[in-house]
Amino acid sequence: MKKSTTITVMGLTIALNIILSRFIVFSPAPFVRIGISFIAVAVGSILFGPIIGGVGAAVADVLGYFLFPTGGYIPGITISAFLIGVIYGMILYKKQPSIVRSLIASLVTGLIIEGTLTSYWLYIAISGHTFWAIFLPRIIVQLLFVPIKTFLIYLMWIELGRLNLSYLSKKQGTDVAASK
């Protein structure tokens, strides 16, 4: 894979992540944000694997904060973003599109990272709230959002497989697109 191609495509997914996470988001309650920026993270992780996907998600979080700051910077949330990219990459990279894998990725990232770990980072960073006051609304939203995330990740994964993206893989014939 060409480094310039990887950097270019990851730059696009990072920019898309920033746009989706800062402008296309719904916040029904304090500490709860519902959005579709996970699609950009999943795409980067499907195309380039766990490490590059995780780094891209972390870079998008940091750049997004400094370009459009809301509240204080919380480094733990950047760690959560990195872990989400890594998990998507571990579950989805170089695999055939599968609704079961999409569901597993959605459950792990939604319940463990977004629901639990990110709630913990918010609890540490923001005084005056109990962990449960932050955790419960977030975990309920994640539970409700899992089917939507699963479906959207699966759709994007299938569409990426339909595109001829063999030039993005290290060895042609080993990526999702080449396995049509």
N, C-alpha and C. Protein backbone atom coordinates (compact mmCIF):
# COMPACT_ATOMS: atom_id res chain seq x y z
N MET A 1 0.86 -1.17 0.00
CA MET A 1 0.00 0.00 0.00
C MET A 1 0.90 1.23 0.00
N LYS A 2 0.50 2.19 -0.76
CA LYS A 2 1.25 3.44 -0.80
C LYS A 2 0.94 4.25 0.44
N LYS A 3 1.99 4.79 1.03
CA LYS A 3 1.78 5.61 2.23
C LYS A 3 0.97 6.86 1.92
N SER A 4 1.18 7.43 0.75
CA SER A 4 0.44 8.65 0.41
C SER A 4 -1.05 8.35 0.26
N THR A 5 -1.40 7.19 -0.27
CA THR A 5 -2.80 6.81 -0.39
C THR A 5 -3.42 6.60 0.98
N THR A 6 -2.69 5.91 1.85
CA THR A 6 -3.18 5.67 3.21
C THR A 6 -3.41 6.99 3.93
N ILE A 7 -2.44 7.89 3.84
CA ILE A 7 -2.56 9.19 4.52
C ILE A 7 -3.73 9.98 3.96
N THR A 8 -3.90 9.95 2.65
CA THR A 8 -4.99 10.69 2.02
C THR A 8 -6.36 10.15 2.45
N VAL A 9 -6.54 8.85 2.35
CA VAL A 9 -7.83 8.26 2.71
C VAL A 9 -8.10 8.42 4.20
N MET A 10 -7.10 8.22 5.03
CA MET A 10 -7.30 8.41 6.48
C MET A 10 -7.59 9.87 6.79
N GLY A 11 -6.97 10.79 6.06
CA GLY A 11 -7.28 12.21 6.24
C GLY A 11 -8.74 12.50 5.93
N LEU A 12 -9.25 11.84 4.91
CA LEU A 12 -10.67 12.01 4.57
C LEU A 12 -11.58 11.42 5.64
N THR A 13 -11.22 10.24 6.17
CA THR A 13 -12.06 9.67 7.24
C THR A 13 -11.97 10.49 8.52
N ILE A 14 -10.81 11.05 8.80
CA ILE A 14 -10.66 11.92 9.97
C ILE A 14 -11.52 13.17 9.80
N ALA A 15 -11.46 13.78 8.62
CA ALA A 15 -12.29 14.97 8.36
C ALA A 15 -13.78 14.63 8.45
N LEU A 16 -14.17 13.50 7.90
CA LEU A 16 -15.57 13.07 7.98
C LEU A 16 -15.98 12.83 9.43
N ASN A 17 -15.10 12.21 10.19
CA ASN A 17 -15.37 11.97 11.62
C ASN A 17 -15.59 13.28 12.35
N ILE A 18 -14.75 14.26 12.12
CA ILE A 18 -14.88 15.57 12.78
C ILE A 18 -16.21 16.22 12.40
N ILE A 19 -16.53 16.21 11.12
CA ILE A 19 -17.78 16.83 10.67
C ILE A 19 -18.98 16.12 11.29
N LEU A 20 -18.98 14.79 11.25
CA LEU A 20 -20.12 14.05 11.79
C LEU A 20 -20.24 14.17 13.30
N SER A 21 -19.10 14.22 14.00
CA SER A 21 -19.16 14.27 15.47
C SER A 21 -19.44 15.67 16.00
N ARG A 22 -19.16 16.69 15.23
CA ARG A 22 -19.36 18.06 15.73
C ARG A 22 -20.63 18.71 15.20
N PHE A 23 -21.09 18.31 14.02
CA PHE A 23 -22.21 19.00 13.40
C PHE A 23 -23.47 18.14 13.24
N ILE A 24 -23.30 16.84 13.13
CA ILE A 24 -24.46 15.96 12.97
C ILE A 24 -24.56 15.10 14.23
N VAL A 25 -25.04 15.74 15.28
CA VAL A 25 -25.13 15.08 16.58
C VAL A 25 -26.36 15.58 17.31
N PHE A 26 -26.97 14.70 18.06
CA PHE A 26 -28.16 15.01 18.84
C PHE A 26 -27.84 14.73 20.30
N SER A 27 -28.14 15.68 21.16
CA SER A 27 -27.84 15.52 22.58
C SER A 27 -29.14 15.61 23.39
N PRO A 28 -29.81 14.45 23.62
CA PRO A 28 -31.11 14.47 24.31
C PRO A 28 -31.02 14.70 25.81
N ALA A 29 -29.84 14.49 26.39
CA ALA A 29 -29.66 14.65 27.84
C ALA A 29 -28.20 15.02 28.11
N PRO A 30 -27.93 15.55 29.30
CA PRO A 30 -26.53 15.83 29.64
C PRO A 30 -25.69 14.55 29.55
N PHE A 31 -24.49 14.68 29.03
CA PHE A 31 -23.53 13.58 28.90
C PHE A 31 -23.92 12.54 27.86
N VAL A 32 -24.95 12.79 27.10
CA VAL A 32 -25.40 11.84 26.07
C VAL A 32 -25.39 12.53 24.72
N ARG A 33 -24.66 11.92 23.78
CA ARG A 33 -24.62 12.43 22.41
C ARG A 33 -24.90 11.27 21.48
N ILE A 34 -25.80 11.49 20.55
CA ILE A 34 -26.14 10.47 19.57
C ILE A 34 -25.73 11.01 18.20
N GLY A 35 -24.89 10.26 17.52
CA GLY A 35 -24.42 10.69 16.21
C GLY A 35 -23.99 9.51 15.37
N ILE A 36 -23.49 9.81 14.19
CA ILE A 36 -23.08 8.75 13.27
C ILE A 36 -21.59 8.82 12.92
N SER A 37 -20.80 9.47 13.75
CA SER A 37 -19.37 9.58 13.46
C SER A 37 -18.67 8.22 13.53
N PHE A 38 -19.29 7.25 14.17
CA PHE A 38 -18.72 5.90 14.24
C PHE A 38 -18.53 5.31 12.84
N ILE A 39 -19.32 5.78 11.87
CA ILE A 39 -19.20 5.26 10.50
C ILE A 39 -17.81 5.57 9.94
N ALA A 40 -17.34 6.78 10.15
CA ALA A 40 -16.01 7.16 9.65
C ALA A 40 -14.91 6.34 10.32
N VAL A 41 -15.05 6.10 11.62
CA VAL A 41 -14.07 5.29 12.35
C VAL A 41 -14.10 3.86 11.84
N ALA A 42 -15.29 3.31 11.64
CA ALA A 42 -15.41 1.94 11.14
C ALA A 42 -14.82 1.81 9.74
N VAL A 43 -15.07 2.78 8.88
CA VAL A 43 -14.52 2.74 7.52
C VAL A 43 -12.99 2.74 7.56
N GLY A 44 -12.40 3.64 8.34
CA GLY A 44 -10.94 3.67 8.45
C GLY A 44 -10.38 2.37 8.99
N SER A 45 -11.06 1.78 9.95
CA SER A 45 -10.59 0.52 10.55
C SER A 45 -10.79 -0.65 9.61
N ILE A 46 -11.88 -0.68 8.85
CA ILE A 46 -12.11 -1.75 7.87
C ILE A 46 -11.04 -1.70 6.78
N LEU A 47 -10.71 -0.49 6.33
CA LEU A 47 -9.75 -0.35 5.24
C LEU A 47 -8.30 -0.57 5.66
N PHE A 48 -7.93 -0.11 6.87
CA PHE A 48 -6.51 -0.07 7.22
C PHE A 48 -6.14 -0.84 8.49
N GLY A 49 -7.09 -1.41 9.18
CA GLY A 49 -6.78 -2.24 10.33
C GLY A 49 -6.86 -1.50 11.65
N PRO A 50 -6.59 -2.25 12.73
CA PRO A 50 -6.82 -1.71 14.07
C PRO A 50 -5.92 -0.54 14.47
N ILE A 51 -4.66 -0.60 14.17
CA ILE A 51 -3.75 0.45 14.64
C ILE A 51 -4.01 1.76 13.90
N ILE A 52 -4.04 1.71 12.58
CA ILE A 52 -4.28 2.94 11.82
C ILE A 52 -5.69 3.46 12.08
N GLY A 53 -6.66 2.55 12.20
CA GLY A 53 -8.02 2.97 12.52
C GLY A 53 -8.10 3.64 13.88
N GLY A 54 -7.40 3.07 14.87
CA GLY A 54 -7.37 3.66 16.21
C GLY A 54 -6.68 5.00 16.24
N VAL A 55 -5.56 5.11 15.56
CA VAL A 55 -4.83 6.38 15.51
C VAL A 55 -5.68 7.44 14.80
N GLY A 56 -6.34 7.05 13.72
CA GLY A 56 -7.21 7.99 13.01
C GLY A 56 -8.34 8.50 13.90
N ALA A 57 -8.95 7.61 14.68
CA ALA A 57 -10.03 8.02 15.58
C ALA A 57 -9.51 8.95 16.67
N ALA A 58 -8.32 8.66 17.20
CA ALA A 58 -7.74 9.52 18.23
C ALA A 58 -7.37 10.89 17.66
N VAL A 59 -6.79 10.91 16.47
CA VAL A 59 -6.44 12.18 15.82
C VAL A 59 -7.70 13.00 15.56
N ALA A 60 -8.75 12.36 15.10
CA ALA A 60 -10.01 13.06 14.85
C ALA A 60 -10.57 13.65 16.14
N ASP A 61 -10.46 12.92 17.25
CA ASP A 61 -10.95 13.43 18.52
C ASP A 61 -10.17 14.68 18.95
N VAL A 62 -8.86 14.60 18.88
CA VAL A 62 -8.03 15.74 19.29
C VAL A 62 -8.24 16.94 18.38
N LEU A 63 -8.17 16.71 17.06
CA LEU A 63 -8.38 17.82 16.12
C LEU A 63 -9.78 18.41 16.26
N GLY A 64 -10.77 17.53 16.40
CA GLY A 64 -12.15 18.00 16.57
C GLY A 64 -12.31 18.87 17.80
N TYR A 65 -11.65 18.48 18.88
CA TYR A 65 -11.75 19.29 20.10
C TYR A 65 -11.09 20.66 19.89
N PHE A 66 -9.89 20.66 19.34
CA PHE A 66 -9.18 21.93 19.20
C PHE A 66 -9.77 22.84 18.12
N LEU A 67 -10.42 22.26 17.13
CA LEU A 67 -11.09 23.08 16.12
C LEU A 67 -12.44 23.60 16.61
N PHE A 68 -13.14 22.79 17.36
CA PHE A 68 -14.49 23.13 17.85
C PHE A 68 -14.61 22.74 19.32
N PRO A 69 -13.94 23.46 20.22
CA PRO A 69 -13.94 23.06 21.63
C PRO A 69 -15.31 23.22 22.29
N THR A 70 -15.65 22.23 23.08
CA THR A 70 -16.84 22.31 23.92
C THR A 70 -16.42 21.76 25.29
N GLY A 71 -16.37 22.61 26.28
CA GLY A 71 -15.91 22.18 27.60
C GLY A 71 -14.41 21.97 27.61
N GLY A 72 -13.93 21.29 28.62
CA GLY A 72 -12.50 21.02 28.74
C GLY A 72 -12.10 19.78 27.97
N TYR A 73 -10.83 19.72 27.62
CA TYR A 73 -10.30 18.55 26.93
C TYR A 73 -10.15 17.41 27.93
N ILE A 74 -10.64 16.24 27.59
CA ILE A 74 -10.54 15.06 28.45
C ILE A 74 -9.72 14.00 27.71
N PRO A 75 -8.46 13.79 28.11
CA PRO A 75 -7.62 12.82 27.40
C PRO A 75 -8.20 11.41 27.39
N GLY A 76 -8.93 11.04 28.42
CA GLY A 76 -9.53 9.71 28.45
C GLY A 76 -10.49 9.46 27.30
N ILE A 77 -11.16 10.49 26.85
CA ILE A 77 -12.08 10.32 25.73
C ILE A 77 -11.30 10.05 24.45
N THR A 78 -10.11 10.61 24.34
CA THR A 78 -9.24 10.29 23.20
C THR A 78 -8.80 8.83 23.27
N ILE A 79 -8.52 8.35 24.47
CA ILE A 79 -8.17 6.93 24.64
C ILE A 79 -9.35 6.06 24.22
N SER A 80 -10.56 6.45 24.62
CA SER A 80 -11.75 5.70 24.21
C SER A 80 -11.90 5.69 22.69
N ALA A 81 -11.66 6.84 22.05
CA ALA A 81 -11.75 6.92 20.59
C ALA A 81 -10.74 5.97 19.95
N PHE A 82 -9.52 5.97 20.45
CA PHE A 82 -8.49 5.07 19.94
C PHE A 82 -8.93 3.62 20.07
N LEU A 83 -9.44 3.26 21.24
CA LEU A 83 -9.87 1.88 21.48
C LEU A 83 -11.02 1.47 20.57
N ILE A 84 -11.92 2.39 20.29
CA ILE A 84 -13.03 2.09 19.38
C ILE A 84 -12.48 1.75 17.99
N GLY A 85 -11.54 2.55 17.49
CA GLY A 85 -10.92 2.26 16.20
C GLY A 85 -10.20 0.92 16.19
N VAL A 86 -9.50 0.63 17.28
CA VAL A 86 -8.78 -0.65 17.39
C VAL A 86 -9.77 -1.82 17.39
N ILE A 87 -10.84 -1.69 18.16
CA ILE A 87 -11.83 -2.78 18.23
C ILE A 87 -12.50 -3.00 16.89
N TYR A 88 -12.90 -1.91 16.23
CA TYR A 88 -13.48 -2.08 14.88
C TYR A 88 -12.49 -2.79 13.96
N GLY A 89 -11.23 -2.39 14.01
CA GLY A 89 -10.22 -3.02 13.16
C GLY A 89 -10.02 -4.49 13.48
N MET A 90 -9.99 -4.82 14.77
CA MET A 90 -9.79 -6.22 15.16
C MET A 90 -10.95 -7.10 14.72
N ILE A 91 -12.15 -6.57 14.75
CA ILE A 91 -13.33 -7.38 14.43
C ILE A 91 -13.66 -7.36 12.93
N LEU A 92 -13.38 -6.25 12.24
CA LEU A 92 -13.87 -6.09 10.87
C LEU A 92 -12.79 -6.15 9.79
N TYR A 93 -11.54 -5.85 10.11
CA TYR A 93 -10.48 -5.73 9.11
C TYR A 93 -10.18 -7.08 8.45
N LYS A 94 -10.15 -7.08 7.12
CA LYS A 94 -9.85 -8.26 6.30
C LYS A 94 -10.79 -9.42 6.57
N LYS A 95 -12.04 -9.10 6.88
CA LYS A 95 -13.06 -10.12 7.10
C LYS A 95 -14.19 -9.92 6.09
N GLN A 96 -14.93 -10.97 5.85
CA GLN A 96 -16.11 -10.87 4.99
C GLN A 96 -17.20 -10.10 5.74
N PRO A 97 -17.96 -9.25 5.04
CA PRO A 97 -19.05 -8.55 5.71
C PRO A 97 -20.02 -9.53 6.36
N SER A 98 -20.34 -9.26 7.62
CA SER A 98 -21.19 -10.15 8.39
C SER A 98 -21.99 -9.32 9.38
N ILE A 99 -23.27 -9.60 9.45
CA ILE A 99 -24.12 -8.90 10.40
C ILE A 99 -23.72 -9.27 11.83
N VAL A 100 -23.26 -10.49 12.04
CA VAL A 100 -22.84 -10.93 13.39
C VAL A 100 -21.61 -10.16 13.83
N ARG A 101 -20.62 -10.02 12.95
CA ARG A 101 -19.42 -9.24 13.30
C ARG A 101 -19.78 -7.77 13.52
N SER A 102 -20.67 -7.25 12.71
CA SER A 102 -21.12 -5.86 12.90
C SER A 102 -21.79 -5.71 14.26
N LEU A 103 -22.60 -6.68 14.64
CA LEU A 103 -23.28 -6.65 15.94
C LEU A 103 -22.27 -6.72 17.09
N ILE A 104 -21.30 -7.62 16.97
CA ILE A 104 -20.28 -7.74 18.01
C ILE A 104 -19.51 -6.43 18.15
N ALA A 105 -19.11 -5.84 17.02
CA ALA A 105 -18.38 -4.57 17.06
C ALA A 105 -19.23 -3.48 17.71
N SER A 106 -20.51 -3.44 17.37
CA SER A 106 -21.41 -2.43 17.94
C SER A 106 -21.60 -2.64 19.44
N LEU A 107 -21.76 -3.89 19.86
CA LEU A 107 -21.95 -4.17 21.28
C LEU A 107 -20.71 -3.84 22.10
N VAL A 108 -19.56 -4.28 21.62
CA VAL A 108 -18.32 -4.04 22.38
C VAL A 108 -18.01 -2.55 22.47
N THR A 109 -18.05 -1.87 21.33
CA THR A 109 -17.73 -0.43 21.36
C THR A 109 -18.80 0.37 22.08
N GLY A 110 -20.06 0.00 21.87
CA GLY A 110 -21.15 0.75 22.47
C GLY A 110 -21.28 0.55 23.96
N LEU A 111 -21.26 -0.70 24.41
CA LEU A 111 -21.49 -0.97 25.83
C LEU A 111 -20.24 -0.84 26.68
N ILE A 112 -19.14 -1.39 26.20
CA ILE A 112 -17.93 -1.36 27.02
C ILE A 112 -17.21 -0.02 26.92
N ILE A 113 -16.98 0.47 25.71
CA ILE A 113 -16.20 1.71 25.57
C ILE A 113 -17.08 2.94 25.78
N GLU A 114 -18.07 3.14 24.91
CA GLU A 114 -18.91 4.35 25.01
C GLU A 114 -19.75 4.36 26.29
N GLY A 115 -20.37 3.23 26.59
CA GLY A 115 -21.26 3.19 27.75
C GLY A 115 -20.54 3.22 29.08
N THR A 116 -19.49 2.42 29.21
CA THR A 116 -18.82 2.28 30.50
C THR A 116 -17.57 3.13 30.63
N LEU A 117 -16.58 2.91 29.74
CA LEU A 117 -15.30 3.61 29.88
C LEU A 117 -15.44 5.12 29.70
N THR A 118 -16.14 5.55 28.67
CA THR A 118 -16.31 6.99 28.46
C THR A 118 -17.11 7.61 29.60
N SER A 119 -18.08 6.89 30.14
CA SER A 119 -18.81 7.38 31.31
C SER A 119 -17.86 7.57 32.49
N TYR A 120 -16.92 6.66 32.64
CA TYR A 120 -15.94 6.78 33.71
C TYR A 120 -15.06 8.01 33.51
N TRP A 121 -14.61 8.25 32.27
CA TRP A 121 -13.79 9.44 32.01
C TRP A 121 -14.57 10.72 32.33
N LEU A 122 -15.83 10.75 31.95
CA LEU A 122 -16.66 11.92 32.24
C LEU A 122 -16.85 12.09 33.75
N TYR A 123 -17.05 11.00 34.46
CA TYR A 123 -17.21 11.03 35.91
C TYR A 123 -15.95 11.61 36.59
N ILE A 124 -14.78 11.19 36.12
CA ILE A 124 -13.53 11.70 36.68
C ILE A 124 -13.35 13.19 36.37
N ALA A 125 -13.67 13.60 35.16
CA ALA A 125 -13.40 14.96 34.70
C ALA A 125 -14.42 15.99 35.17
N ILE A 126 -15.64 15.57 35.40
CA ILE A 126 -16.70 16.53 35.73
C ILE A 126 -17.20 16.26 37.14
N SER A 127 -16.96 17.22 38.02
CA SER A 127 -17.38 17.03 39.40
C SER A 127 -18.87 17.35 39.57
N GLY A 128 -19.42 16.85 40.66
CA GLY A 128 -20.81 17.16 40.98
C GLY A 128 -21.81 16.13 40.50
N HIS A 129 -21.34 15.05 39.86
CA HIS A 129 -22.24 14.00 39.39
C HIS A 129 -21.73 12.65 39.85
N THR A 130 -22.65 11.76 40.19
CA THR A 130 -22.23 10.40 40.52
C THR A 130 -21.97 9.64 39.23
N PHE A 131 -21.23 8.57 39.32
CA PHE A 131 -20.95 7.74 38.15
C PHE A 131 -22.26 7.23 37.55
N TRP A 132 -23.19 6.81 38.41
CA TRP A 132 -24.45 6.24 37.93
C TRP A 132 -25.30 7.27 37.19
N ALA A 133 -25.21 8.52 37.60
CA ALA A 133 -25.98 9.58 36.93
C ALA A 133 -25.48 9.80 35.51
N ILE A 134 -24.22 9.52 35.28
CA ILE A 134 -23.64 9.64 33.94
C ILE A 134 -23.82 8.33 33.17
N PHE A 135 -23.57 7.23 33.85
CA PHE A 135 -23.56 5.90 33.22
C PHE A 135 -24.94 5.46 32.72
N LEU A 136 -25.96 5.56 33.56
CA LEU A 136 -27.27 5.00 33.21
C LEU A 136 -27.87 5.58 31.93
N PRO A 137 -27.94 6.91 31.77
CA PRO A 137 -28.50 7.40 30.50
C PRO A 137 -27.65 7.00 29.29
N ARG A 138 -26.33 6.98 29.48
CA ARG A 138 -25.45 6.64 28.38
C ARG A 138 -25.61 5.17 27.97
N ILE A 139 -25.72 4.29 28.94
CA ILE A 139 -25.84 2.87 28.61
C ILE A 139 -27.20 2.56 28.00
N ILE A 140 -28.24 3.25 28.45
CA ILE A 140 -29.56 3.05 27.86
C ILE A 140 -29.56 3.48 26.39
N VAL A 141 -28.97 4.62 26.10
CA VAL A 141 -28.88 5.09 24.72
C VAL A 141 -28.07 4.11 23.88
N GLN A 142 -26.97 3.61 24.42
CA GLN A 142 -26.15 2.66 23.68
C GLN A 142 -26.92 1.38 23.37
N LEU A 143 -27.68 0.90 24.35
CA LEU A 143 -28.49 -0.30 24.11
C LEU A 143 -29.52 -0.08 23.01
N LEU A 144 -30.14 1.08 23.02
CA LEU A 144 -31.14 1.40 21.99
C LEU A 144 -30.49 1.63 20.62
N PHE A 145 -29.25 2.11 20.63
CA PHE A 145 -28.57 2.49 19.39
C PHE A 145 -27.83 1.32 18.72
N VAL A 146 -27.61 0.22 19.45
CA VAL A 146 -26.87 -0.92 18.90
C VAL A 146 -27.45 -1.44 17.59
N PRO A 147 -28.76 -1.64 17.47
CA PRO A 147 -29.28 -2.14 16.18
C PRO A 147 -29.01 -1.17 15.01
N ILE A 148 -29.11 0.11 15.27
CA ILE A 148 -28.86 1.11 14.22
C ILE A 148 -27.38 1.09 13.83
N LYS A 149 -26.49 1.08 14.82
CA LYS A 149 -25.06 1.01 14.54
C LYS A 149 -24.72 -0.25 13.76
N THR A 150 -25.28 -1.36 14.19
CA THR A 150 -25.01 -2.64 13.53
C THR A 150 -25.41 -2.58 12.06
N PHE A 151 -26.60 -2.10 11.79
CA PHE A 151 -27.10 -2.01 10.42
C PHE A 151 -26.25 -1.08 9.57
N LEU A 152 -25.91 0.11 10.10
CA LEU A 152 -25.13 1.08 9.32
C LEU A 152 -23.70 0.59 9.06
N ILE A 153 -23.08 -0.04 10.06
CA ILE A 153 -21.73 -0.58 9.86
C ILE A 153 -21.78 -1.68 8.80
N TYR A 154 -22.76 -2.56 8.90
CA TYR A 154 -22.90 -3.64 7.92
C TYR A 154 -23.09 -3.08 6.51
N LEU A 155 -23.96 -2.08 6.37
CA LEU A 155 -24.18 -1.46 5.05
C LEU A 155 -22.90 -0.86 4.49
N MET A 156 -22.17 -0.11 5.31
CA MET A 156 -20.92 0.51 4.86
C MET A 156 -19.89 -0.55 4.48
N TRP A 157 -19.84 -1.60 5.26
CA TRP A 157 -18.90 -2.69 5.02
C TRP A 157 -19.19 -3.35 3.67
N ILE A 158 -20.46 -3.60 3.39
CA ILE A 158 -20.85 -4.19 2.11
C ILE A 158 -20.48 -3.24 0.96
N GLU A 159 -20.78 -1.96 1.13
CA GLU A 159 -20.47 -0.98 0.07
C GLU A 159 -18.96 -0.88 -0.16
N LEU A 160 -18.18 -0.92 0.90
CA LEU A 160 -16.72 -0.90 0.73
C LEU A 160 -16.26 -2.13 -0.03
N GLY A 161 -16.90 -3.27 0.21
CA GLY A 161 -16.57 -4.50 -0.50
C GLY A 161 -16.91 -4.42 -1.98
N ARG A 162 -17.93 -3.65 -2.32
CA ARG A 162 -18.33 -3.51 -3.73
C ARG A 162 -17.40 -2.59 -4.51
N LEU A 163 -16.74 -1.69 -3.81
CA LEU A 163 -15.80 -0.79 -4.48
C LEU A 163 -14.52 -1.54 -4.79
N ASN A 164 -13.82 -1.12 -5.80
CA ASN A 164 -12.53 -1.72 -6.10
C ASN A 164 -11.46 -0.98 -5.31
N LEU A 165 -11.19 -1.47 -4.11
CA LEU A 165 -10.22 -0.81 -3.24
C LEU A 165 -8.96 -1.64 -3.06
N SER A 166 -8.68 -2.51 -4.00
CA SER A 166 -7.52 -3.39 -3.87
C SER A 166 -6.21 -2.61 -3.78
N TYR A 167 -6.16 -1.41 -4.33
CA TYR A 167 -4.95 -0.60 -4.27
C TYR A 167 -4.66 -0.10 -2.86
N LEU A 168 -5.64 -0.23 -1.94
CA LEU A 168 -5.41 0.21 -0.56
C LEU A 168 -4.78 -0.87 0.29
N SER A 169 -4.87 -2.14 -0.12
CA SER A 169 -4.35 -3.21 0.72
C SER A 169 -2.86 -3.40 0.50
N LYS A 170 -2.20 -4.00 1.50
CA LYS A 170 -0.76 -4.24 1.41
C LYS A 170 -0.44 -5.24 0.31
N LYS A 171 -1.24 -6.31 0.27
CA LYS A 171 -1.06 -7.33 -0.76
C LYS A 171 -2.39 -7.44 -1.49
N GLN A 172 -2.36 -7.26 -2.77
CA GLN A 172 -3.61 -7.33 -3.51
C GLN A 172 -4.20 -8.74 -3.36
N GLY A 173 -5.51 -8.76 -3.21
CA GLY A 173 -6.18 -10.05 -3.06
C GLY A 173 -6.43 -10.45 -1.63
N THR A 174 -5.96 -9.65 -0.65
CA THR A 174 -6.13 -10.03 0.74
C THR A 174 -7.13 -9.15 1.47
N ASP A 175 -7.73 -8.23 0.79
CA ASP A 175 -8.68 -7.33 1.48
C ASP A 175 -10.11 -7.72 1.16
N VAL A 176 -11.02 -7.06 1.82
CA VAL A 176 -12.44 -7.33 1.66
C VAL A 176 -12.88 -7.13 0.22
N ALA A 177 -12.39 -6.07 -0.43
CA ALA A 177 -12.82 -5.76 -1.79
C ALA A 177 -12.43 -6.86 -2.77
N ALA A 178 -11.28 -7.47 -2.55
CA ALA A 178 -10.80 -8.47 -3.47
C ALA A 178 -11.52 -9.81 -3.27
N SER A 179 -12.27 -9.96 -2.18
CA SER A 179 -12.91 -11.24 -1.90
C SER A 179 -14.34 -11.31 -2.40
N LYS A 180 -14.71 -10.43 -3.33
CA LYS A 180 -16.09 -10.42 -3.86
C LYS A 180 -16.41 -11.72 -4.55
